[in-house]
Amino acid sequence: MSSLDSINVKVEAATGNVEPLLHEIRHALRRVADGKEGTVIDLRSLPLAPGEEQRIEAVLGEGEVRAQLNALGPTVLQETAYPGVWLVTHRNAEQEVVARFIEVTRMPELLMSQTEDIERGISLLEDELTVSSEATIRAGMALRYRRRSTPINASRAGGALSRGDSTMRKDQTLGEYLQSQGVSRRGFMKFCAATASLMAMPPEMAAQVARALETARRPSVIWLSFQECTGCTESLLRSHAPTVEGLIFDAISLDYHHTLQAASGEAAEAARLAAMEENRGEYLLVVDGSIPLGNPGYSTIAGISNLDMLLETAKDAAAIIAVGTCAAFGGIPHANPNPTGAVSVSDIISDKPIINVSGCPPIPVVITGVLAHYLTFGSLPELDELGSSQSVLWTKHPRPLLPSAVL
């Protein structure tokens, strides 16, 4: 064939879901007009053919009101040509769309000033009124400006997000931590809406996610890397700005990861053993890389074979997340003739809950979606026949399978 254009490809023109969706919006608008509750529709959870989302936007048009929220990236709230119907698009700081909703309501909740933010505003105003001189007022304004404009930096080495030297304490809840980092209540609500969408939950579940996450305390995570290329770690950490998945990842206590931690040798292994002892039966074990069974010497850490370290660490883990195709299914090391006798985690461990987050490398938002599910419900999501999540929406993230950061 001379070109791709000559290949006969059958393209499904439409799913037929656009008109039923518009009818659903009409009925929801009638309920709002009658004084009943509004409706939220997660556009990214709907099976739509290419071009159908654009068709929906064209039919709805644009109305008189357009607002932008700047919290964890921009969120645009556009009232459509039909008053009471709003198109809400959440983006992260890297301008990637993380969630998209149609809200049928008189006023989206995100546009309303939240009680927690009002209380913080009162405190700031009271501080302002205690200033005794014009010079001090100017100094105070400059200080507040610096506080508000300080970017949130992803400090990955300790598994904690930081603003300056601040890190999340183990006794802090996630809600307290985000507030201490300058994330407003609006920003937290956006965070929860995007997280619920990520986990393929109905939009109304965002409130439950918010209640769970704002009281959740940091789970201990031990990350073991075996026969791997570090691509799984790189794909998760190579973001230059805070993202929803970054915030979820930074809500855990990453107590051992030999690629990231400052300690090495005996000190590193002491940290792993201490985390296992202090969090017995409660810590999460994350594994990337396959495990060689052909010869223990093929891959060792601190003189310990991968097999022995896995068995020792998995013994008291609450659950195991096998990250990447190598840990989930053996990956490239497992390919014929498999000289190292590489196997997956589930080939060895059979008495613990295991979820496979495959991919080479895996999509970061899927990894953190599993972590968010665990933080919200205290358990792993439902699994399919391959041990993968049935609830996290694998195809929703806009990044390619192989991010440029790891190519």
Protein backbone atom coordinates (compact mmCIF):
# COMPACT_ATOMS: atom_id res chain seq x y z
CA MET A 1 0.00 0.00 0.00
CA SER A 2 1.28 3.45 -0.89
CA SER A 3 -0.18 5.33 2.08
CA LEU A 4 -2.23 4.97 5.24
CA ASP A 5 -5.14 6.64 3.42
CA SER A 6 -5.55 3.53 1.28
CA ILE A 7 -6.25 1.30 4.29
CA ASN A 8 -9.95 0.55 4.58
CA VAL A 9 -10.95 1.40 8.15
CA LYS A 10 -14.50 1.25 9.44
CA VAL A 11 -15.24 4.13 11.79
CA GLU A 12 -18.33 4.18 13.97
CA ALA A 13 -19.89 7.58 13.30
CA ALA A 14 -21.79 7.89 16.56
CA THR A 15 -22.84 6.09 19.73
CA GLY A 16 -26.33 7.54 19.73
CA ASN A 17 -25.80 8.91 23.24
CA VAL A 18 -25.95 12.63 22.44
CA GLU A 19 -29.74 12.96 22.15
CA PRO A 20 -30.52 10.88 25.28
CA LEU A 21 -28.00 13.02 27.19
CA LEU A 22 -29.73 16.21 26.06
CA HIS A 23 -33.07 14.75 27.18
CA GLU A 24 -31.52 13.95 30.57
CA ILE A 25 -30.32 17.56 30.84
CA ARG A 26 -33.84 18.80 29.98
CA HIS A 27 -35.44 16.67 32.71
CA ALA A 28 -32.78 17.74 35.22
CA LEU A 29 -33.40 21.39 34.37
CA ARG A 30 -37.12 20.92 34.99
CA ARG A 31 -36.35 19.46 38.43
CA VAL A 32 -34.20 22.49 39.29
CA ALA A 33 -36.95 24.84 38.12
CA ASP A 34 -39.35 22.98 40.44
CA GLY A 35 -37.06 23.62 43.39
CA LYS A 36 -35.47 20.15 43.55
CA GLU A 37 -31.82 19.15 43.68
CA GLY A 38 -29.50 19.62 40.76
CA THR A 39 -27.74 16.96 38.68
CA VAL A 40 -24.08 16.41 37.83
CA ILE A 41 -23.10 14.40 34.75
CA ASP A 42 -19.51 13.16 34.35
CA LEU A 43 -18.78 13.63 30.65
CA ARG A 44 -15.59 11.59 30.77
CA SER A 45 -17.44 8.52 32.02
CA LEU A 46 -19.82 8.46 29.05
CA PRO A 47 -19.18 6.30 25.98
CA LEU A 48 -18.92 8.97 23.31
CA ALA A 49 -17.54 8.65 19.79
CA PRO A 50 -14.97 11.14 18.47
CA GLY A 51 -16.65 14.47 17.88
CA GLU A 52 -19.72 13.78 20.00
CA GLU A 53 -18.50 15.76 23.00
CA GLN A 54 -17.87 18.69 20.68
CA ARG A 55 -21.39 18.28 19.30
CA ILE A 56 -22.81 18.44 22.82
CA GLU A 57 -20.85 21.64 23.44
CA ALA A 58 -22.11 23.13 20.18
CA VAL A 59 -25.73 22.38 21.06
CA LEU A 60 -25.39 23.80 24.56
CA GLY A 61 -23.53 26.91 23.40
CA GLU A 62 -22.30 29.65 25.73
CA GLY A 63 -24.34 31.85 28.03
CA GLU A 64 -23.72 35.07 29.92
CA VAL A 65 -21.56 33.80 32.78
CA ARG A 66 -18.02 32.45 32.65
CA ALA A 67 -15.90 32.06 35.77
CA GLN A 68 -12.44 30.66 36.44
CA LEU A 69 -11.22 29.05 39.63
CA ASN A 70 -7.45 28.95 40.12
CA ALA A 71 -6.78 26.12 42.57
CA LEU A 72 -4.55 23.14 41.73
CA GLY A 73 -4.73 24.37 38.14
CA PRO A 74 -7.49 26.30 36.36
CA THR A 75 -11.15 25.31 36.42
CA VAL A 76 -13.52 27.01 33.98
CA LEU A 77 -17.23 27.16 34.85
CA GLN A 78 -19.20 28.21 31.76
CA GLU A 79 -22.93 28.67 31.88
CA THR A 80 -24.37 27.44 28.60
CA ALA A 81 -26.99 29.12 26.45
CA TYR A 82 -29.55 27.34 28.66
CA PRO A 83 -29.56 29.09 32.07
CA GLY A 84 -28.98 26.57 34.84
CA VAL A 85 -26.83 24.28 32.66
CA TRP A 86 -23.11 24.66 33.32
CA LEU A 87 -20.07 23.10 31.65
CA VAL A 88 -17.30 22.64 34.24
CA THR A 89 -13.78 21.73 33.08
CA HIS A 90 -11.09 20.92 35.65
CA ARG A 91 -7.45 21.12 34.60
CA ASN A 92 -4.32 20.46 36.61
CA ALA A 93 -1.32 22.80 36.76
CA GLU A 94 0.04 21.17 33.60
CA GLN A 95 -3.16 22.21 31.76
CA GLU A 96 -4.31 18.61 31.34
CA VAL A 97 -8.04 17.99 31.68
CA VAL A 98 -8.56 15.86 34.79
CA ALA A 99 -12.37 15.96 34.92
CA ARG A 100 -15.28 17.40 32.96
CA PHE A 101 -18.87 17.74 34.12
CA ILE A 102 -22.21 19.11 33.07
CA GLU A 103 -23.85 20.59 36.16
CA VAL A 104 -27.55 21.36 36.08
CA THR A 105 -28.05 23.75 38.99
CA ARG A 106 -28.81 27.36 39.79
CA MET A 107 -25.23 27.89 40.94
CA PRO A 108 -22.32 25.41 40.94
CA GLU A 109 -21.11 24.82 44.49
CA LEU A 110 -17.56 25.73 43.50
CA LEU A 111 -18.69 29.29 42.79
CA MET A 112 -20.06 29.72 46.29
CA SER A 113 -17.71 30.93 49.01
CA GLN A 114 -17.07 28.03 51.36
CA THR A 115 -17.43 28.39 55.13
CA GLU A 116 -13.86 27.28 55.78
CA ASP A 117 -12.53 29.85 53.33
CA ILE A 118 -14.72 32.58 54.86
CA GLU A 119 -13.38 31.74 58.32
CA ARG A 120 -9.84 32.00 57.01
CA GLY A 121 -10.72 35.35 55.41
CA ILE A 122 -12.06 36.61 58.75
CA SER A 123 -8.80 35.62 60.42
CA LEU A 124 -6.77 37.42 57.77
CA LEU A 125 -8.90 40.54 58.10
CA GLU A 126 -8.57 40.50 61.88
CA ASP A 127 -4.80 40.29 61.48
CA GLU A 128 -4.98 43.25 59.12
CA LEU A 129 -6.92 45.32 61.63
CA THR A 130 -4.35 44.75 64.36
CA VAL A 131 -1.64 46.43 62.32
CA SER A 132 -0.74 49.73 63.96
CA SER A 133 1.12 51.67 61.30
CA GLU A 134 1.04 52.21 57.57
CA ALA A 135 4.56 50.84 57.21
CA THR A 136 3.58 47.64 58.99
CA ILE A 137 0.50 47.40 56.77
CA ARG A 138 2.72 47.51 53.69
CA ALA A 139 5.03 44.89 55.21
CA GLY A 140 2.06 42.68 56.02
CA MET A 141 0.70 42.96 52.48
CA ALA A 142 4.08 41.97 51.07
CA LEU A 143 4.26 39.00 53.45
CA ARG A 144 0.79 37.80 52.55
CA TYR A 145 1.56 38.18 48.86
CA ARG A 146 4.64 36.00 49.25
CA ARG A 147 2.61 33.38 51.15
CA ARG A 148 -0.06 33.24 48.49
CA SER A 149 2.31 33.22 45.55
CA THR A 150 4.72 30.59 46.89
CA PRO A 151 4.36 27.61 44.52
CA ILE A 152 3.68 24.15 45.83
CA ASN A 153 6.77 22.10 45.07
CA ALA A 154 6.65 18.37 44.64
CA SER A 155 9.29 17.16 47.07
CA ARG A 156 9.46 13.52 46.18
CA ALA A 157 12.39 12.20 48.17
CA GLY A 158 10.43 11.76 51.38
CA GLY A 159 7.12 10.92 49.77
CA ALA A 160 5.62 14.21 50.94
CA LEU A 161 4.51 17.35 49.19
CA SER A 162 6.12 20.46 50.59
CA ARG A 163 5.77 24.22 50.56
CA GLY A 164 9.22 25.35 51.63
CA ASP A 165 10.30 23.01 54.43
CA SER A 166 6.78 21.93 55.40
CA THR A 167 5.94 18.24 55.12
CA MET A 168 2.87 16.29 56.07
CA ARG A 169 3.13 14.91 59.59
CA LYS A 170 2.00 11.36 60.24
CA ASP A 171 -0.62 12.61 62.70
CA GLN A 172 -2.12 15.05 60.17
CA THR A 173 -5.20 14.22 58.16
CA LEU A 174 -5.10 14.83 54.42
CA GLY A 175 -7.61 17.66 54.79
CA GLU A 176 -5.46 19.39 57.43
CA TYR A 177 -2.37 18.92 55.31
CA LEU A 178 -3.88 20.41 52.15
CA GLN A 179 -5.18 23.37 54.13
CA SER A 180 -1.72 23.91 55.63
CA GLN A 181 -0.34 24.00 52.08
CA GLY A 182 -2.68 26.84 51.12
CA VAL A 183 -5.20 24.67 49.27
CA SER A 184 -8.61 26.32 49.71
CA ARG A 185 -11.83 24.48 50.41
CA ARG A 186 -12.77 25.08 46.78
CA GLY A 187 -9.49 23.49 45.74
CA PHE A 188 -10.18 20.51 47.99
CA MET A 189 -13.65 20.09 46.48
CA LYS A 190 -12.13 20.15 43.00
CA PHE A 191 -9.56 17.60 44.14
CA CYS A 192 -12.35 15.28 45.39
CA ALA A 193 -14.50 15.70 42.28
CA ALA A 194 -11.55 14.81 40.04
CA THR A 195 -10.65 11.86 42.27
CA ALA A 196 -14.22 10.50 42.18
CA SER A 197 -14.23 10.84 38.39
CA LEU A 198 -10.86 9.08 38.19
CA MET A 199 -12.27 6.13 40.16
CA ALA A 200 -15.33 5.93 37.86
CA MET A 201 -17.68 6.88 40.69
CA PRO A 202 -20.94 8.76 40.16
CA PRO A 203 -20.35 12.51 40.62
CA GLU A 204 -22.50 12.57 43.77
CA MET A 205 -19.88 10.29 45.41
CA ALA A 206 -17.46 13.23 45.49
CA ALA A 207 -18.96 14.26 48.84
CA GLN A 208 -18.18 10.81 50.29
CA VAL A 209 -14.65 11.00 48.91
CA ALA A 210 -14.28 14.42 50.55
CA ARG A 211 -15.45 13.15 53.94
CA ALA A 212 -13.09 10.16 53.76
CA LEU A 213 -10.03 12.01 52.49
CA GLU A 214 -10.27 14.98 54.82
CA THR A 215 -10.11 12.61 57.81
CA ALA A 216 -7.70 10.06 56.30
CA ARG A 217 -4.29 9.69 57.90
CA ARG A 218 -1.15 8.74 56.01
CA PRO A 219 -0.83 5.04 55.26
CA SER A 220 2.69 3.63 55.37
CA VAL A 221 3.94 2.47 51.96
CA ILE A 222 7.00 0.31 51.31
CA TRP A 223 8.10 0.29 47.66
CA LEU A 224 10.34 -2.54 46.45
CA SER A 225 12.06 -2.38 43.06
CA PHE A 226 13.33 -5.65 41.61
CA GLN A 227 14.14 -6.55 37.97
CA GLU A 228 13.02 -3.25 36.45
CA CYS A 229 14.21 -0.17 34.56
CA THR A 230 12.93 2.51 36.99
CA GLY A 231 10.43 3.63 34.33
CA CYS A 232 7.50 2.98 36.68
CA THR A 233 8.94 5.34 39.30
CA GLU A 234 9.91 7.92 36.67
CA SER A 235 6.45 7.99 35.09
CA LEU A 236 4.88 8.73 38.46
CA LEU A 237 7.36 11.36 39.61
CA ARG A 238 8.30 13.27 36.47
CA SER A 239 5.79 16.10 36.83
CA HIS A 240 7.10 19.64 37.12
CA ALA A 241 3.91 21.02 38.66
CA PRO A 242 1.45 19.75 41.27
CA THR A 243 -1.23 17.46 39.84
CA VAL A 244 -4.17 15.65 41.35
CA GLU A 245 -2.25 12.38 41.18
CA GLY A 246 0.76 14.10 42.74
CA LEU A 247 -1.31 15.28 45.70
CA ILE A 248 -2.69 11.78 46.27
CA PHE A 249 0.78 10.24 46.05
CA ASP A 250 2.14 12.79 48.48
CA ALA A 251 -0.59 11.94 51.00
CA ILE A 252 1.10 8.60 51.74
CA SER A 253 4.10 7.98 53.97
CA LEU A 254 6.64 6.53 51.56
CA ASP A 255 8.84 4.89 54.17
CA TYR A 256 11.10 2.89 51.85
CA HIS A 257 12.04 3.33 48.19
CA HIS A 258 15.71 2.72 47.50
CA THR A 259 15.69 4.88 44.37
CA LEU A 260 14.29 7.94 46.14
CA GLN A 261 15.35 7.78 49.75
CA ALA A 262 18.48 9.51 50.98
CA ALA A 263 19.53 6.59 53.19
CA SER A 264 21.48 3.66 51.76
CA GLY A 265 22.92 0.36 52.90
CA GLU A 266 22.19 -0.62 56.50
CA ALA A 267 20.32 2.62 57.21
CA ALA A 268 17.96 2.02 54.30
CA GLU A 269 17.20 -1.54 55.37
CA ALA A 270 16.70 -0.37 58.94
CA ALA A 271 14.05 2.06 57.66
CA ARG A 272 12.23 -0.77 55.87
CA LEU A 273 12.28 -3.03 58.91
CA ALA A 274 11.14 -0.19 61.17
CA ALA A 275 8.22 0.63 58.88
CA MET A 276 7.20 -3.03 58.83
CA GLU A 277 7.33 -3.26 62.63
CA GLU A 278 5.55 0.03 63.35
CA ASN A 279 2.78 -0.60 60.82
CA ARG A 280 2.41 -4.37 61.07
CA GLY A 281 -0.67 -5.52 59.18
CA GLU A 282 -1.49 -2.00 57.97
CA TYR A 283 1.15 -0.94 55.45
CA LEU A 284 0.80 -1.10 51.68
CA LEU A 285 3.49 -2.88 49.69
CA VAL A 286 4.20 -1.56 46.19
CA VAL A 287 6.38 -3.72 43.94
CA ASP A 288 7.78 -2.90 40.52
CA GLY A 289 9.93 -5.32 38.58
CA SER A 290 9.81 -9.08 38.20
CA ILE A 291 11.37 -11.55 40.63
CA PRO A 292 14.13 -13.90 39.38
CA LEU A 293 13.83 -17.50 40.57
CA GLY A 294 16.58 -18.99 38.39
CA ASN A 295 19.42 -17.79 40.61
CA PRO A 296 19.03 -15.56 43.70
CA GLY A 297 22.19 -13.71 42.74
CA TYR A 298 20.66 -12.32 39.54
CA SER A 299 19.10 -9.47 41.54
CA THR A 300 19.78 -8.59 45.17
CA ILE A 301 19.31 -5.58 47.45
CA ALA A 302 21.66 -5.18 50.42
CA GLY A 303 22.73 -8.78 49.87
CA ILE A 304 19.12 -9.99 50.10
CA SER A 305 17.60 -11.79 47.12
CA ASN A 306 14.47 -10.30 45.58
CA LEU A 307 12.52 -13.41 46.50
CA ASP A 308 13.51 -13.31 50.17
CA MET A 309 12.85 -9.57 50.45
CA LEU A 310 9.42 -9.95 48.84
CA LEU A 311 8.41 -12.82 51.11
CA GLU A 312 9.66 -11.01 54.21
CA THR A 313 7.98 -7.69 53.40
CA ALA A 314 4.71 -9.14 52.09
CA LYS A 315 4.15 -11.20 55.25
CA ASP A 316 2.58 -8.38 57.28
CA ALA A 317 1.35 -6.14 54.45
CA ALA A 318 -2.33 -5.17 54.29
CA ALA A 319 -2.30 -5.38 50.48
CA ILE A 320 0.10 -5.40 47.55
CA ILE A 321 0.12 -3.20 44.45
CA ALA A 322 2.09 -4.73 41.56
CA VAL A 323 3.10 -1.68 39.51
CA GLY A 324 4.10 -2.11 35.88
CA THR A 325 3.95 -5.09 33.54
CA CYS A 326 7.09 -6.69 35.01
CA ALA A 327 5.62 -6.95 38.53
CA ALA A 328 2.11 -7.73 37.26
CA PHE A 329 2.91 -10.34 34.61
CA GLY A 330 6.69 -10.82 34.39
CA GLY A 331 7.25 -8.28 31.61
CA ILE A 332 10.29 -8.23 29.38
CA PRO A 333 12.49 -10.29 31.78
CA HIS A 334 9.87 -13.06 31.58
CA ALA A 335 10.07 -13.24 27.76
CA ASN A 336 11.39 -16.44 26.20
CA PRO A 337 13.97 -17.79 26.94
CA ASN A 338 13.55 -16.08 30.35
CA PRO A 339 17.19 -16.54 31.42
CA THR A 340 16.63 -15.32 35.00
CA GLY A 341 13.47 -17.34 35.64
CA ALA A 342 11.53 -14.10 36.09
CA VAL A 343 8.01 -14.33 37.53
CA SER A 344 5.33 -11.89 38.66
CA VAL A 345 4.36 -11.03 42.23
CA SER A 346 1.17 -13.10 42.03
CA ASP A 347 3.20 -16.15 40.97
CA ILE A 348 4.77 -16.07 44.45
CA ILE A 349 2.28 -14.44 46.82
CA SER A 350 -1.16 -16.02 47.07
CA ASP A 351 -2.38 -15.10 50.57
CA LYS A 352 -2.61 -11.30 50.20
CA PRO A 353 -4.87 -8.97 48.19
CA ILE A 354 -2.91 -8.06 45.05
CA ILE A 355 -3.87 -5.52 42.39
CA ASN A 356 -2.05 -5.43 39.07
CA VAL A 357 -1.43 -1.95 37.65
CA SER A 358 0.21 -2.97 34.39
CA GLY A 359 1.73 -0.82 31.66
CA CYS A 360 5.26 -0.07 30.49
CA PRO A 361 5.33 2.28 32.24
CA PRO A 362 1.92 2.36 33.95
CA ILE A 363 -0.18 5.51 33.72
CA PRO A 364 0.54 7.58 36.86
CA VAL A 365 -3.08 8.48 37.50
CA VAL A 366 -4.03 4.79 37.62
CA ILE A 367 -1.43 4.11 40.32
CA THR A 368 -2.65 7.01 42.40
CA GLY A 369 -6.28 6.14 41.66
CA VAL A 370 -5.70 2.85 43.47
CA LEU A 371 -4.08 4.75 46.35
CA ALA A 372 -7.04 7.16 46.46
CA HIS A 373 -9.47 4.24 46.58
CA TYR A 374 -7.53 2.77 49.49
CA LEU A 375 -7.50 6.11 51.31
CA THR A 376 -11.25 6.51 50.75
CA PHE A 377 -12.53 3.01 51.46
CA GLY A 378 -9.68 1.29 53.29
CA SER A 379 -9.56 -1.45 50.67
CA LEU A 380 -8.46 -2.12 47.10
CA PRO A 381 -10.97 -1.65 44.26
CA GLU A 382 -12.81 -4.58 42.69
CA LEU A 383 -10.64 -6.60 40.34
CA ASP A 384 -11.18 -8.23 36.96
CA GLU A 385 -9.93 -11.66 35.91
CA LEU A 386 -6.40 -10.26 35.39
CA GLY A 387 -6.24 -8.76 38.85
CA SER A 388 -6.62 -5.21 37.50
CA SER A 389 -8.94 -2.50 38.80
CA GLN A 390 -12.48 -2.44 37.47
CA SER A 391 -13.20 0.99 38.92
CA VAL A 392 -10.27 3.22 37.92
CA LEU A 393 -10.83 4.63 34.43
CA TRP A 394 -7.68 3.55 32.60
CA THR A 395 -8.26 5.49 29.38
CA LYS A 396 -9.20 8.90 30.77
CA HIS A 397 -5.77 10.36 31.34
CA PRO A 398 -4.53 12.52 28.46
CA ARG A 399 -0.89 11.46 28.69
CA PRO A 400 0.43 8.91 26.17
CA LEU A 401 1.29 5.38 27.25
CA LEU A 402 5.00 6.19 27.11
CA PRO A 403 5.52 9.74 28.46
CA SER A 404 8.34 11.67 26.85
CA ALA A 405 9.97 11.93 30.27
CA VAL A 406 10.94 8.27 30.18
CA LEU A 407 11.73 7.83 26.48
